Amino acid sequence: MGLMAKLFGQGEPDHPELDAGSEAAKQLERFREPLHQLAEEFGGERMELVPSENGGYVFVGKPPKQFALAWLVNGEVKHFKSLVEEGNLSPVLMEKLVGKLTEAYEVSKDAPRYKAQVGDYAMVVVPDATLESNVRQLIDEMNEKVRKKKEKAAAAASGGEAGG
């Protein structure tokens, strides 16, 4: 698929336009800049935004089979790569997370989808509370595991210094 097809979403189902007065449109507007940066970071790949109160979750690629996940938290972009880098997440744990995200996505595969434009990039918006809740729970669980791993590493490091 060429650049023009990516920019204009050719090959995509023809979703209705996102209602500018909807809550999802308001959330998209609040996070337009980081979403635009994310679209540029991923080279204009297909993106599906699941809006949430503090940002949103973005499936990049072709879910449920091949995708990456990024999320916006108070204007900051995070993604799988940042979890691995920041928390030393194991490939096994990442594989489990991807499997659970795939299941969450498939549960909501029939949820209404809308098209929206973020700068030069077409985006699909999925304002589905079930998908948002399931993804948020999975990311929260992952962040908790990262936090515990960091605490354990810090305790080991400080214990090693005290004993050495």
C-alpha atoms as a PDB file:
ATOM      1  CA  MET A   1       0.000   0.000   0.000  1.00  0.00           C
ATOM      2  CA  GLY A   2       1.465   3.345  -1.046  1.00  0.00           C
ATOM      3  CA  LEU A   3       1.872   6.533   0.909  1.00  0.00           C
ATOM      4  CA  MET A   4      -1.285   8.108  -0.525  1.00  0.00           C
ATOM      5  CA  ALA A   5      -3.314   5.023   0.378  1.00  0.00           C
ATOM      6  CA  LYS A   6      -1.980   5.176   3.929  1.00  0.00           C
ATOM      7  CA  LEU A   7      -2.728   8.867   4.230  1.00  0.00           C
ATOM      8  CA  PHE A   8      -6.256   8.542   2.945  1.00  0.00           C
ATOM      9  CA  GLY A   9      -7.111   5.151   4.434  1.00  0.00           C
ATOM     10  CA  GLN A  10      -7.751   3.360   1.137  1.00  0.00           C
ATOM     11  CA  GLY A  11      -8.566  -0.271   1.667  1.00  0.00           C
ATOM     12  CA  GLU A  12     -10.249   0.556   4.959  1.00  0.00           C
ATOM     13  CA  PRO A  13     -13.935   0.047   5.593  1.00  0.00           C
ATOM     14  CA  ASP A  14     -15.793   3.298   5.095  1.00  0.00           C
ATOM     15  CA  HIS A  15     -16.468   4.304   8.679  1.00  0.00           C
ATOM     16  CA  PRO A  16     -18.735   7.288   9.355  1.00  0.00           C
ATOM     17  CA  GLU A  17     -17.112  10.568  10.386  1.00  0.00           C
ATOM     18  CA  LEU A  18     -16.645  11.072  14.118  1.00  0.00           C
ATOM     19  CA  ASP A  19     -19.295  13.499  15.369  1.00  0.00           C
ATOM     20  CA  ALA A  20     -17.452  16.703  16.289  1.00  0.00           C
ATOM     21  CA  GLY A  21     -19.722  17.160  19.322  1.00  0.00           C
ATOM     22  CA  SER A  22     -19.134  13.685  20.735  1.00  0.00           C
ATOM     23  CA  GLU A  23     -17.138  12.971  23.869  1.00  0.00           C
ATOM     24  CA  ALA A  24     -14.658  10.937  21.784  1.00  0.00           C
ATOM     25  CA  ALA A  25     -14.062  13.953  19.513  1.00  0.00           C
ATOM     26  CA  LYS A  26     -13.452  16.168  22.547  1.00  0.00           C
ATOM     27  CA  GLN A  27     -10.941  13.646  23.914  1.00  0.00           C
ATOM     28  CA  LEU A  28      -9.234  13.385  20.522  1.00  0.00           C
ATOM     29  CA  GLU A  29      -8.962  17.164  20.379  1.00  0.00           C
ATOM     30  CA  ARG A  30      -7.383  17.358  23.861  1.00  0.00           C
ATOM     31  CA  PHE A  31      -4.652  14.936  22.777  1.00  0.00           C
ATOM     32  CA  ARG A  32      -4.314  15.954  19.122  1.00  0.00           C
ATOM     33  CA  GLU A  33      -0.616  16.943  19.367  1.00  0.00           C
ATOM     34  CA  PRO A  34       0.699  13.726  20.969  1.00  0.00           C
ATOM     35  CA  LEU A  35      -1.501  11.697  18.589  1.00  0.00           C
ATOM     36  CA  HIS A  36       0.019  13.529  15.642  1.00  0.00           C
ATOM     37  CA  GLN A  37       3.524  12.870  16.979  1.00  0.00           C
ATOM     38  CA  LEU A  38       2.634   9.202  17.432  1.00  0.00           C
ATOM     39  CA  ALA A  39       1.349   8.982  13.846  1.00  0.00           C
ATOM     40  CA  GLU A  40       4.613  10.471  12.626  1.00  0.00           C
ATOM     41  CA  GLU A  41       6.655   8.118  14.826  1.00  0.00           C
ATOM     42  CA  PHE A  42       4.921   5.104  13.299  1.00  0.00           C
ATOM     43  CA  GLY A  43       5.233   6.462   9.771  1.00  0.00           C
ATOM     44  CA  GLY A  44       1.537   6.891   9.144  1.00  0.00           C
ATOM     45  CA  GLU A  45       0.654   3.251   9.800  1.00  0.00           C
ATOM     46  CA  ARG A  46      -2.993   2.406  10.392  1.00  0.00           C
ATOM     47  CA  MET A  47      -4.058   3.588  13.858  1.00  0.00           C
ATOM     48  CA  GLU A  48      -7.138   2.901  15.962  1.00  0.00           C
ATOM     49  CA  LEU A  49      -7.653   5.216  18.932  1.00  0.00           C
ATOM     50  CA  VAL A  50      -9.620   3.974  21.935  1.00  0.00           C
ATOM     51  CA  PRO A  51     -10.255   7.212  23.861  1.00  0.00           C
ATOM     52  CA  SER A  52     -10.008   7.268  27.638  1.00  0.00           C
ATOM     53  CA  GLU A  53     -10.394   9.939  30.276  1.00  0.00           C
ATOM     54  CA  ASN A  54      -6.668  10.711  30.576  1.00  0.00           C
ATOM     55  CA  GLY A  55      -5.617  10.013  26.996  1.00  0.00           C
ATOM     56  CA  GLY A  56      -6.226   6.897  25.031  1.00  0.00           C
ATOM     57  CA  TYR A  57      -4.919   3.623  23.717  1.00  0.00           C
ATOM     58  CA  VAL A  58      -3.766   3.345  20.129  1.00  0.00           C
ATOM     59  CA  PHE A  59      -3.606   0.057  18.252  1.00  0.00           C
ATOM     60  CA  VAL A  60      -1.038   0.571  15.486  1.00  0.00           C
ATOM     61  CA  GLY A  61      -0.978  -1.773  12.523  1.00  0.00           C
ATOM     62  CA  LYS A  62      -3.527  -4.465  11.818  1.00  0.00           C
ATOM     63  CA  PRO A  63      -5.115  -5.716  15.004  1.00  0.00           C
ATOM     64  CA  PRO A  64      -5.892  -8.340  16.118  1.00  0.00           C
ATOM     65  CA  LYS A  65      -3.141 -10.151  14.179  1.00  0.00           C
ATOM     66  CA  GLN A  66      -0.235  -7.715  13.877  1.00  0.00           C
ATOM     67  CA  PHE A  67      -0.148  -4.625  16.016  1.00  0.00           C
ATOM     68  CA  ALA A  68       1.717  -2.490  18.445  1.00  0.00           C
ATOM     69  CA  LEU A  69       0.048  -0.637  21.267  1.00  0.00           C
ATOM     70  CA  ALA A  70       0.769   2.889  22.379  1.00  0.00           C
ATOM     71  CA  TRP A  71      -1.035   4.853  25.044  1.00  0.00           C
ATOM     72  CA  LEU A  72      -1.314   8.454  26.053  1.00  0.00           C
ATOM     73  CA  VAL A  73      -1.189   9.301  29.727  1.00  0.00           C
ATOM     74  CA  ASN A  74      -1.625  12.980  30.522  1.00  0.00           C
ATOM     75  CA  GLY A  75      -0.126  13.935  27.174  1.00  0.00           C
ATOM     76  CA  GLU A  76       2.868  11.565  27.381  1.00  0.00           C
ATOM     77  CA  VAL A  77       3.217   8.743  24.841  1.00  0.00           C
ATOM     78  CA  LYS A  78       4.172   5.264  26.057  1.00  0.00           C
ATOM     79  CA  HIS A  79       4.396   2.010  24.137  1.00  0.00           C
ATOM     80  CA  PHE A  80       5.674  -1.554  24.380  1.00  0.00           C
ATOM     81  CA  LYS A  81       9.225  -0.439  23.647  1.00  0.00           C
ATOM     82  CA  SER A  82       9.165   2.033  26.541  1.00  0.00           C
ATOM     83  CA  LEU A  83       7.875  -0.662  28.905  1.00  0.00           C
ATOM     84  CA  VAL A  84      10.687  -2.979  27.898  1.00  0.00           C
ATOM     85  CA  GLU A  85      13.307  -0.230  28.203  1.00  0.00           C
ATOM     86  CA  GLU A  86      12.034   1.230  31.481  1.00  0.00           C
ATOM     87  CA  GLY A  87      10.998  -1.928  33.246  1.00  0.00           C
ATOM     88  CA  ASN A  88      13.167  -4.633  31.759  1.00  0.00           C
ATOM     89  CA  LEU A  89      10.049  -6.542  30.748  1.00  0.00           C
ATOM     90  CA  SER A  90      10.730 -10.067  29.632  1.00  0.00           C
ATOM     91  CA  PRO A  91       9.724 -11.273  26.162  1.00  0.00           C
ATOM     92  CA  VAL A  92       7.533 -13.924  27.804  1.00  0.00           C
ATOM     93  CA  LEU A  93       5.592 -11.296  29.752  1.00  0.00           C
ATOM     94  CA  MET A  94       5.239  -9.159  26.616  1.00  0.00           C
ATOM     95  CA  GLU A  95       3.928 -12.154  24.682  1.00  0.00           C
ATOM     96  CA  LYS A  96       1.306 -12.760  27.371  1.00  0.00           C
ATOM     97  CA  LEU A  97       0.281  -9.097  27.275  1.00  0.00           C
ATOM     98  CA  VAL A  98      -0.075  -9.178  23.488  1.00  0.00           C
ATOM     99  CA  GLY A  99      -2.250 -12.294  23.764  1.00  0.00           C
ATOM    100  CA  LYS A 100      -4.526 -10.629  26.314  1.00  0.00           C
ATOM    101  CA  LEU A 101      -4.715  -7.435  24.239  1.00  0.00           C
ATOM    102  CA  THR A 102      -5.665  -9.532  21.209  1.00  0.00           C
ATOM    103  CA  GLU A 103      -8.488 -11.114  23.221  1.00  0.00           C
ATOM    104  CA  ALA A 104      -9.662  -7.693  24.447  1.00  0.00           C
ATOM    105  CA  TYR A 105      -9.650  -6.348  20.887  1.00  0.00           C
ATOM    106  CA  GLU A 106     -11.586  -9.330  19.544  1.00  0.00           C
ATOM    107  CA  VAL A 107     -14.278  -8.956  22.230  1.00  0.00           C
ATOM    108  CA  SER A 108     -14.966  -5.463  20.876  1.00  0.00           C
ATOM    109  CA  LYS A 109     -14.419  -6.142  17.176  1.00  0.00           C
ATOM    110  CA  ASP A 110     -18.031  -5.216  16.383  1.00  0.00           C
ATOM    111  CA  ALA A 111     -17.951  -1.934  18.321  1.00  0.00           C
ATOM    112  CA  PRO A 112     -18.775   1.139  16.228  1.00  0.00           C
ATOM    113  CA  ARG A 113     -15.789   2.760  14.572  1.00  0.00           C
ATOM    114  CA  TYR A 114     -15.468   6.268  13.201  1.00  0.00           C
ATOM    115  CA  LYS A 115     -12.940   8.043  11.057  1.00  0.00           C
ATOM    116  CA  ALA A 116     -11.137  11.177  12.106  1.00  0.00           C
ATOM    117  CA  GLN A 117      -8.254  13.239  10.795  1.00  0.00           C
ATOM    118  CA  VAL A 118      -5.216  14.128  12.906  1.00  0.00           C
ATOM    119  CA  GLY A 119      -3.094  16.469  10.864  1.00  0.00           C
ATOM    120  CA  ASP A 120      -2.285  14.633   7.628  1.00  0.00           C
ATOM    121  CA  TYR A 121      -3.155  11.251   9.105  1.00  0.00           C
ATOM    122  CA  ALA A 122      -6.401   9.307   8.943  1.00  0.00           C
ATOM    123  CA  MET A 123      -7.291   7.587  12.186  1.00  0.00           C
ATOM    124  CA  VAL A 124     -10.048   5.229  13.271  1.00  0.00           C
ATOM    125  CA  VAL A 125     -11.691   6.080  16.599  1.00  0.00           C
ATOM    126  CA  VAL A 126     -13.282   3.311  18.672  1.00  0.00           C
ATOM    127  CA  PRO A 127     -15.213   4.899  21.565  1.00  0.00           C
ATOM    128  CA  ASP A 128     -15.962   1.571  23.253  1.00  0.00           C
ATOM    129  CA  ALA A 129     -16.096   1.524  27.063  1.00  0.00           C
ATOM    130  CA  THR A 130     -15.529  -2.239  27.252  1.00  0.00           C
ATOM    131  CA  LEU A 131     -12.388  -2.136  25.117  1.00  0.00           C
ATOM    132  CA  GLU A 132     -11.106   0.929  26.980  1.00  0.00           C
ATOM    133  CA  SER A 133     -11.673  -0.742  30.347  1.00  0.00           C
ATOM    134  CA  ASN A 134     -10.059  -4.029  29.303  1.00  0.00           C
ATOM    135  CA  VAL A 135      -6.988  -2.365  27.800  1.00  0.00           C
ATOM    136  CA  ARG A 136      -6.630   0.018  30.764  1.00  0.00           C
ATOM    137  CA  GLN A 137      -6.758  -2.927  33.173  1.00  0.00           C
ATOM    138  CA  LEU A 138      -4.087  -4.809  31.219  1.00  0.00           C
ATOM    139  CA  ILE A 139      -1.783  -1.779  31.037  1.00  0.00           C
ATOM    140  CA  ASP A 140      -2.339  -1.048  34.745  1.00  0.00           C
ATOM    141  CA  GLU A 141      -1.416  -4.659  35.586  1.00  0.00           C
ATOM    142  CA  MET A 142       1.690  -4.381  33.412  1.00  0.00           C
ATOM    143  CA  ASN A 143       2.704  -1.088  35.034  1.00  0.00           C
ATOM    144  CA  GLU A 144       2.269  -2.674  38.461  1.00  0.00           C
ATOM    145  CA  LYS A 145       4.574  -5.550  37.480  1.00  0.00           C
ATOM    146  CA  VAL A 146       7.128  -3.044  36.205  1.00  0.00           C
ATOM    147  CA  ARG A 147       6.884  -1.055  39.454  1.00  0.00           C
ATOM    148  CA  LYS A 148       7.363  -4.179  41.590  1.00  0.00           C
ATOM    149  CA  LYS A 149      10.310  -5.285  39.492  1.00  0.00           C
ATOM    150  CA  LYS A 150      11.944  -1.866  39.896  1.00  0.00           C
ATOM    151  CA  GLU A 151      11.353  -1.912  43.658  1.00  0.00           C
ATOM    152  CA  LYS A 152      12.843  -5.395  43.926  1.00  0.00           C
ATOM    153  CA  ALA A 153      15.896  -4.324  41.892  1.00  0.00           C
ATOM    154  CA  ALA A 154      16.322  -1.189  44.020  1.00  0.00           C
ATOM    155  CA  ALA A 155      16.029  -3.212  47.239  1.00  0.00           C
ATOM    156  CA  ALA A 156      18.573  -5.718  45.952  1.00  0.00           C
ATOM    157  CA  ALA A 157      20.943  -2.924  44.972  1.00  0.00           C
ATOM    158  CA  SER A 158      20.650  -1.153  48.307  1.00  0.00           C
ATOM    159  CA  GLY A 159      20.950  -4.453  50.178  1.00  0.00           C
ATOM    160  CA  GLY A 160      24.031  -5.312  48.142  1.00  0.00           C
ATOM    161  CA  GLU A 161      25.627  -1.978  48.992  1.00  0.00           C
ATOM    162  CA  ALA A 162      24.854  -2.318  52.699  1.00  0.00           C
ATOM    163  CA  GLY A 163      26.264  -5.818  52.831  1.00  0.00           C
ATOM    164  CA  GLY A 164      29.312  -5.148  50.631  1.00  0.00           C
END
